[in-house]
Amino acid sequence: MTGWAIGKSQDIPDGTHADDLYRKLAQIVLPLYYDDSTRWIWMMKQSISKIGSYFNSQRMMRRYATEAYIR
C-alpha cells in the first residue's frame, strides 16, 4: 500500500474530491499518524520503497530539460 485514493472517479465534480480528501484526513490518515506510529512508519517506508525511484530530483531535472529546452 502506498497511500490513499482521493475521489472515486475523474467524472466527479471537483468539490467532491475535496470533501473526500478532508474526510480521509480526519477519519483515516490523522488517527493513524497519532494513534499508531508503528503502522504509519511502516506505510511510509513501503511508499518510499515502491515509488521513491520515480519521484526524485534527477528524474524531474531530466524531464524539465527534455520538455523545456529540447522540444
PDB file of N, CA and C in Angstrom:
ATOM      1  N   MET A   1       0.851  -1.177   0.000  1.00  0.00           N
ATOM      2  CA  MET A   1       0.000   0.000   0.000  1.00  0.00           C
ATOM      3  C   MET A   1       0.895   1.238   0.000  1.00  0.00           C
ATOM      4  N   THR A   2       0.575   2.188  -0.865  1.00  0.00           N
ATOM      5  CA  THR A   2       1.389   3.398  -0.942  1.00  0.00           C
ATOM      6  C   THR A   2       0.617   4.660  -0.600  1.00  0.00           C
ATOM      7  N   GLY A   3      -0.574   4.553  -0.144  1.00  0.00           N
ATOM      8  CA  GLY A   3      -1.330   5.755   0.211  1.00  0.00           C
ATOM      9  C   GLY A   3      -2.820   5.521   0.122  1.00  0.00           C
ATOM     10  N   TRP A   4      -3.544   6.598  -0.038  1.00  0.00           N
ATOM     11  CA  TRP A   4      -4.995   6.557  -0.067  1.00  0.00           C
ATOM     12  C   TRP A   4      -5.492   7.224  -1.336  1.00  0.00           C
ATOM     13  N   ALA A   5      -6.459   6.612  -1.970  1.00  0.00           N
ATOM     14  CA  ALA A   5      -7.081   7.202  -3.148  1.00  0.00           C
ATOM     15  C   ALA A   5      -7.993   8.339  -2.708  1.00  0.00           C
ATOM     16  N   ILE A   6      -8.015   9.382  -3.505  1.00  0.00           N
ATOM     17  CA  ILE A   6      -8.887  10.523  -3.220  1.00  0.00           C
ATOM     18  C   ILE A   6      -9.851  10.662  -4.383  1.00  0.00           C
ATOM     19  N   GLY A   7     -11.122  10.641  -4.075  1.00  0.00           N
ATOM     20  CA  GLY A   7     -12.135  10.695  -5.123  1.00  0.00           C
ATOM     21  C   GLY A   7     -12.339   9.314  -5.707  1.00  0.00           C
ATOM     22  N   LYS A   8     -13.506   9.104  -6.241  1.00  0.00           N
ATOM     23  CA  LYS A   8     -13.823   7.783  -6.772  1.00  0.00           C
ATOM     24  C   LYS A   8     -13.678   7.709  -8.279  1.00  0.00           C
ATOM     25  N   SER A   9     -13.763   8.840  -8.972  1.00  0.00           N
ATOM     26  CA  SER A   9     -13.730   8.825 -10.428  1.00  0.00           C
ATOM     27  C   SER A   9     -13.315  10.196 -10.942  1.00  0.00           C
ATOM     28  N   GLN A  10     -12.826  10.242 -12.164  1.00  0.00           N
ATOM     29  CA  GLN A  10     -12.477  11.511 -12.802  1.00  0.00           C
ATOM     30  C   GLN A  10     -13.724  12.305 -13.186  1.00  0.00           C
ATOM     31  N   ASP A  11     -14.879  11.651 -13.257  1.00  0.00           N
ATOM     32  CA  ASP A  11     -16.111  12.289 -13.709  1.00  0.00           C
ATOM     33  C   ASP A  11     -16.854  13.027 -12.600  1.00  0.00           C
ATOM     34  N   ILE A  12     -16.321  13.004 -11.377  1.00  0.00           N
ATOM     35  CA  ILE A  12     -16.985  13.632 -10.240  1.00  0.00           C
ATOM     36  C   ILE A  12     -16.555  15.101 -10.169  1.00  0.00           C
ATOM     37  N   PRO A  13     -17.483  16.008  -9.826  1.00  0.00           N
ATOM     38  CA  PRO A  13     -17.107  17.425  -9.688  1.00  0.00           C
ATOM     39  C   PRO A  13     -15.985  17.624  -8.670  1.00  0.00           C
ATOM     40  N   ASP A  14     -15.169  18.665  -8.865  1.00  0.00           N
ATOM     41  CA  ASP A  14     -14.000  18.912  -8.028  1.00  0.00           C
ATOM     42  C   ASP A  14     -14.318  19.020  -6.541  1.00  0.00           C
ATOM     43  N   GLY A  15     -15.407  19.645  -6.174  1.00  0.00           N
ATOM     44  CA  GLY A  15     -15.741  19.808  -4.761  1.00  0.00           C
ATOM     45  C   GLY A  15     -15.875  18.489  -4.027  1.00  0.00           C
ATOM     46  N   THR A  16     -16.299  17.463  -4.718  1.00  0.00           N
ATOM     47  CA  THR A  16     -16.469  16.161  -4.091  1.00  0.00           C
ATOM     48  C   THR A  16     -15.120  15.545  -3.741  1.00  0.00           C
ATOM     49  N   HIS A  17     -14.111  15.778  -4.591  1.00  0.00           N
ATOM     50  CA  HIS A  17     -12.775  15.280  -4.296  1.00  0.00           C
ATOM     51  C   HIS A  17     -12.225  15.939  -3.033  1.00  0.00           C
ATOM     52  N   ALA A  18     -12.462  17.224  -2.874  1.00  0.00           N
ATOM     53  CA  ALA A  18     -12.007  17.929  -1.677  1.00  0.00           C
ATOM     54  C   ALA A  18     -12.691  17.362  -0.439  1.00  0.00           C
ATOM     55  N   ASP A  19     -13.992  17.116  -0.536  1.00  0.00           N
ATOM     56  CA  ASP A  19     -14.717  16.520   0.595  1.00  0.00           C
ATOM     57  C   ASP A  19     -14.134  15.158   0.960  1.00  0.00           C
ATOM     58  N   ASP A  20     -13.827  14.362  -0.052  1.00  0.00           N
ATOM     59  CA  ASP A  20     -13.252  13.038   0.189  1.00  0.00           C
ATOM     60  C   ASP A  20     -11.871  13.153   0.831  1.00  0.00           C
ATOM     61  N   LEU A  21     -11.072  14.110   0.369  1.00  0.00           N
ATOM     62  CA  LEU A  21      -9.746  14.340   0.952  1.00  0.00           C
ATOM     63  C   LEU A  21      -9.858  14.683   2.438  1.00  0.00           C
ATOM     64  N   TYR A  22     -10.697  15.659   2.779  1.00  0.00           N
ATOM     65  CA  TYR A  22     -10.824  16.062   4.181  1.00  0.00           C
ATOM     66  C   TYR A  22     -11.392  14.948   5.052  1.00  0.00           C
ATOM     67  N   ARG A  23     -12.336  14.176   4.503  1.00  0.00           N
ATOM     68  CA  ARG A  23     -12.900  13.052   5.267  1.00  0.00           C
ATOM     69  C   ARG A  23     -11.822  12.009   5.558  1.00  0.00           C
ATOM     70  N   LYS A  24     -11.017  11.672   4.547  1.00  0.00           N
ATOM     71  CA  LYS A  24      -9.962  10.672   4.749  1.00  0.00           C
ATOM     72  C   LYS A  24      -8.905  11.174   5.721  1.00  0.00           C
ATOM     73  N   LEU A  25      -8.557  12.452   5.611  1.00  0.00           N
ATOM     74  CA  LEU A  25      -7.590  13.007   6.568  1.00  0.00           C
ATOM     75  C   LEU A  25      -8.113  12.888   7.987  1.00  0.00           C
ATOM     76  N   ALA A  26      -9.347  13.304   8.206  1.00  0.00           N
ATOM     77  CA  ALA A  26      -9.920  13.322   9.552  1.00  0.00           C
ATOM     78  C   ALA A  26     -10.184  11.925  10.107  1.00  0.00           C
ATOM     79  N   GLN A  27     -10.633  11.004   9.267  1.00  0.00           N
ATOM     80  CA  GLN A  27     -11.077   9.708   9.767  1.00  0.00           C
ATOM     81  C   GLN A  27     -10.042   8.592   9.638  1.00  0.00           C
ATOM     82  N   ILE A  28      -9.066   8.739   8.731  1.00  0.00           N
ATOM     83  CA  ILE A  28      -8.136   7.645   8.486  1.00  0.00           C
ATOM     84  C   ILE A  28      -6.677   8.054   8.703  1.00  0.00           C
ATOM     85  N   VAL A  29      -6.241   9.072   7.985  1.00  0.00           N
ATOM     86  CA  VAL A  29      -4.817   9.413   7.976  1.00  0.00           C
ATOM     87  C   VAL A  29      -4.345   9.965   9.313  1.00  0.00           C
ATOM     88  N   LEU A  30      -4.986  10.997   9.812  1.00  0.00           N
ATOM     89  CA  LEU A  30      -4.535  11.608  11.073  1.00  0.00           C
ATOM     90  C   LEU A  30      -4.657  10.665  12.270  1.00  0.00           C
ATOM     91  N   PRO A  31      -5.755   9.911  12.410  1.00  0.00           N
ATOM     92  CA  PRO A  31      -5.780   8.946  13.518  1.00  0.00           C
ATOM     93  C   PRO A  31      -4.649   7.921  13.434  1.00  0.00           C
ATOM     94  N   LEU A  32      -4.327   7.462  12.229  1.00  0.00           N
ATOM     95  CA  LEU A  32      -3.232   6.513  12.081  1.00  0.00           C
ATOM     96  C   LEU A  32      -1.917   7.158  12.505  1.00  0.00           C
ATOM     97  N   TYR A  33      -1.680   8.380  12.068  1.00  0.00           N
ATOM     98  CA  TYR A  33      -0.446   9.094  12.388  1.00  0.00           C
ATOM     99  C   TYR A  33      -0.286   9.278  13.907  1.00  0.00           C
ATOM    100  N   TYR A  34      -1.366   9.691  14.569  1.00  0.00           N
ATOM    101  CA  TYR A  34      -1.273   9.981  16.001  1.00  0.00           C
ATOM    102  C   TYR A  34      -1.429   8.747  16.889  1.00  0.00           C
ATOM    103  N   ASP A  35      -2.201   7.755  16.455  1.00  0.00           N
ATOM    104  CA  ASP A  35      -2.513   6.630  17.331  1.00  0.00           C
ATOM    105  C   ASP A  35      -1.684   5.378  17.081  1.00  0.00           C
ATOM    106  N   ASP A  36      -1.129   5.223  15.887  1.00  0.00           N
ATOM    107  CA  ASP A  36      -0.391   4.001  15.569  1.00  0.00           C
ATOM    108  C   ASP A  36       0.859   4.362  14.768  1.00  0.00           C
ATOM    109  N   SER A  37       1.827   4.957  15.447  1.00  0.00           N
ATOM    110  CA  SER A  37       3.028   5.445  14.753  1.00  0.00           C
ATOM    111  C   SER A  37       3.825   4.312  14.104  1.00  0.00           C
ATOM    112  N   THR A  38       3.789   3.124  14.679  1.00  0.00           N
ATOM    113  CA  THR A  38       4.500   1.996  14.085  1.00  0.00           C
ATOM    114  C   THR A  38       3.918   1.660  12.712  1.00  0.00           C
ATOM    115  N   ARG A  39       2.627   1.605  12.620  1.00  0.00           N
ATOM    116  CA  ARG A  39       1.961   1.333  11.330  1.00  0.00           C
ATOM    117  C   ARG A  39       2.221   2.472  10.343  1.00  0.00           C
ATOM    118  N   TRP A  40       2.165   3.720  10.822  1.00  0.00           N
ATOM    119  CA  TRP A  40       2.422   4.885   9.970  1.00  0.00           C
ATOM    120  C   TRP A  40       3.828   4.811   9.373  1.00  0.00           C
ATOM    121  N   ILE A  41       4.813   4.527  10.197  1.00  0.00           N
ATOM    122  CA  ILE A  41       6.203   4.437   9.722  1.00  0.00           C
ATOM    123  C   ILE A  41       6.333   3.304   8.715  1.00  0.00           C
ATOM    124  N   TRP A  42       5.698   2.160   8.966  1.00  0.00           N
ATOM    125  CA  TRP A  42       5.736   1.052   8.025  1.00  0.00           C
ATOM    126  C   TRP A  42       5.158   1.473   6.676  1.00  0.00           C
ATOM    127  N   MET A  43       4.014   2.170   6.709  1.00  0.00           N
ATOM    128  CA  MET A  43       3.391   2.608   5.458  1.00  0.00           C
ATOM    129  C   MET A  43       4.271   3.596   4.706  1.00  0.00           C
ATOM    130  N   MET A  44       4.905   4.509   5.390  1.00  0.00           N
ATOM    131  CA  MET A  44       5.768   5.488   4.732  1.00  0.00           C
ATOM    132  C   MET A  44       6.991   4.803   4.117  1.00  0.00           C
ATOM    133  N   LYS A  45       7.548   3.831   4.811  1.00  0.00           N
ATOM    134  CA  LYS A  45       8.689   3.089   4.255  1.00  0.00           C
ATOM    135  C   LYS A  45       8.268   2.302   3.012  1.00  0.00           C
ATOM    136  N   GLN A  46       7.083   1.703   3.048  1.00  0.00           N
ATOM    137  CA  GLN A  46       6.570   0.987   1.879  1.00  0.00           C
ATOM    138  C   GLN A  46       6.376   1.933   0.694  1.00  0.00           C
ATOM    139  N   SER A  47       5.838   3.099   0.976  1.00  0.00           N
ATOM    140  CA  SER A  47       5.623   4.086  -0.091  1.00  0.00           C
ATOM    141  C   SER A  47       6.933   4.508  -0.725  1.00  0.00           C
ATOM    142  N   ILE A  48       7.909   4.813   0.092  1.00  0.00           N
ATOM    143  CA  ILE A  48       9.206   5.246  -0.420  1.00  0.00           C
ATOM    144  C   ILE A  48       9.860   4.132  -1.223  1.00  0.00           C
ATOM    145  N   SER A  49       9.768   2.909  -0.741  1.00  0.00           N
ATOM    146  CA  SER A  49      10.415   1.804  -1.454  1.00  0.00           C
ATOM    147  C   SER A  49       9.762   1.519  -2.802  1.00  0.00           C
ATOM    148  N   LYS A  50       8.469   1.799  -2.930  1.00  0.00           N
ATOM    149  CA  LYS A  50       7.766   1.490  -4.172  1.00  0.00           C
ATOM    150  C   LYS A  50       7.784   2.629  -5.179  1.00  0.00           C
ATOM    151  N   ILE A  51       7.724   3.879  -4.724  1.00  0.00           N
ATOM    152  CA  ILE A  51       7.636   4.987  -5.673  1.00  0.00           C
ATOM    153  C   ILE A  51       8.768   6.005  -5.535  1.00  0.00           C
ATOM    154  N   GLY A  52       9.666   5.795  -4.597  1.00  0.00           N
ATOM    155  CA  GLY A  52      10.761   6.737  -4.383  1.00  0.00           C
ATOM    156  C   GLY A  52      11.674   6.890  -5.579  1.00  0.00           C
ATOM    157  N   SER A  53      11.871   5.821  -6.335  1.00  0.00           N
ATOM    158  CA  SER A  53      12.747   5.909  -7.502  1.00  0.00           C
ATOM    159  C   SER A  53      12.123   6.736  -8.615  1.00  0.00           C
ATOM    160  N   TYR A  54      10.812   6.866  -8.616  1.00  0.00           N
ATOM    161  CA  TYR A  54      10.145   7.650  -9.648  1.00  0.00           C
ATOM    162  C   TYR A  54      10.073   9.130  -9.272  1.00  0.00           C
ATOM    163  N   PHE A  55       9.800   9.418  -8.004  1.00  0.00           N
ATOM    164  CA  PHE A  55       9.679  10.799  -7.538  1.00  0.00           C
ATOM    165  C   PHE A  55      11.007  11.245  -6.944  1.00  0.00           C
ATOM    166  N   ASN A  56      11.918  11.648  -7.807  1.00  0.00           N
ATOM    167  CA  ASN A  56      13.217  12.127  -7.324  1.00  0.00           C
ATOM    168  C   ASN A  56      13.680  13.301  -8.173  1.00  0.00           C
ATOM    169  N   SER A  57      14.639  14.033  -7.693  1.00  0.00           N
ATOM    170  CA  SER A  57      15.079  15.255  -8.369  1.00  0.00           C
ATOM    171  C   SER A  57      15.795  14.962  -9.687  1.00  0.00           C
ATOM    172  N   GLN A  58      16.500  13.857  -9.795  1.00  0.00           N
ATOM    173  CA  GLN A  58      17.198  13.533 -11.035  1.00  0.00           C
ATOM    174  C   GLN A  58      16.202  13.331 -12.180  1.00  0.00           C
ATOM    175  N   ARG A  59      15.161  12.581 -11.934  1.00  0.00           N
ATOM    176  CA  ARG A  59      14.142  12.363 -12.961  1.00  0.00           C
ATOM    177  C   ARG A  59      13.453  13.670 -13.324  1.00  0.00           C
ATOM    178  N   MET A  60      13.157  14.495 -12.335  1.00  0.00           N
ATOM    179  CA  MET A  60      12.478  15.763 -12.610  1.00  0.00           C
ATOM    180  C   MET A  60      13.358  16.708 -13.422  1.00  0.00           C
ATOM    181  N   MET A  61      14.639  16.770 -13.118  1.00  0.00           N
ATOM    182  CA  MET A  61      15.534  17.638 -13.888  1.00  0.00           C
ATOM    183  C   MET A  61      15.670  17.138 -15.324  1.00  0.00           C
ATOM    184  N   ARG A  62      15.760  15.844 -15.505  1.00  0.00           N
ATOM    185  CA  ARG A  62      15.848  15.275 -16.846  1.00  0.00           C
ATOM    186  C   ARG A  62      14.571  15.586 -17.634  1.00  0.00           C
ATOM    187  N   ARG A  63      13.432  15.438 -16.989  1.00  0.00           N
ATOM    188  CA  ARG A  63      12.160  15.733 -17.654  1.00  0.00           C
ATOM    189  C   ARG A  63      12.043  17.225 -17.951  1.00  0.00           C
ATOM    190  N   TYR A  64      12.424  18.048 -17.018  1.00  0.00           N
ATOM    191  CA  TYR A  64      12.378  19.500 -17.221  1.00  0.00           C
ATOM    192  C   TYR A  64      13.252  19.895 -18.400  1.00  0.00           C
ATOM    193  N   ALA A  65      14.469  19.390 -18.449  1.00  0.00           N
ATOM    194  CA  ALA A  65      15.375  19.722 -19.540  1.00  0.00           C
ATOM    195  C   ALA A  65      14.819  19.240 -20.875  1.00  0.00           C
ATOM    196  N   THR A  66      14.277  18.040 -20.890  1.00  0.00           N
ATOM    197  CA  THR A  66      13.730  17.480 -22.125  1.00  0.00           C
ATOM    198  C   THR A  66      12.531  18.278 -22.608  1.00  0.00           C
ATOM    199  N   GLU A  67      11.623  18.585 -21.711  1.00  0.00           N
ATOM    200  CA  GLU A  67      10.378  19.246 -22.124  1.00  0.00           C
ATOM    201  C   GLU A  67      10.534  20.745 -22.294  1.00  0.00           C
ATOM    202  N   ALA A  68      11.431  21.369 -21.573  1.00  0.00           N
ATOM    203  CA  ALA A  68      11.548  22.832 -21.643  1.00  0.00           C
ATOM    204  C   ALA A  68      12.579  23.302 -22.666  1.00  0.00           C
ATOM    205  N   TYR A  69      13.642  22.551 -22.851  1.00  0.00           N
ATOM    206  CA  TYR A  69      14.731  23.033 -23.691  1.00  0.00           C
ATOM    207  C   TYR A  69      14.922  22.266 -24.987  1.00  0.00           C
ATOM    208  N   ILE A  70      14.664  21.000 -24.999  1.00  0.00           N
ATOM    209  CA  ILE A  70      14.949  20.207 -26.189  1.00  0.00           C
ATOM    210  C   ILE A  70      13.813  20.263 -27.194  1.00  0.00           C
ATOM    211  N   ARG A  71      12.608  20.441 -26.753  1.00  0.00           N
ATOM    212  CA  ARG A  71      11.446  20.476 -27.665  1.00  0.00           C
ATOM    213  C   ARG A  71      11.493  21.624 -28.598  1.00  0.00           C
TER     214      ARG A  71
END
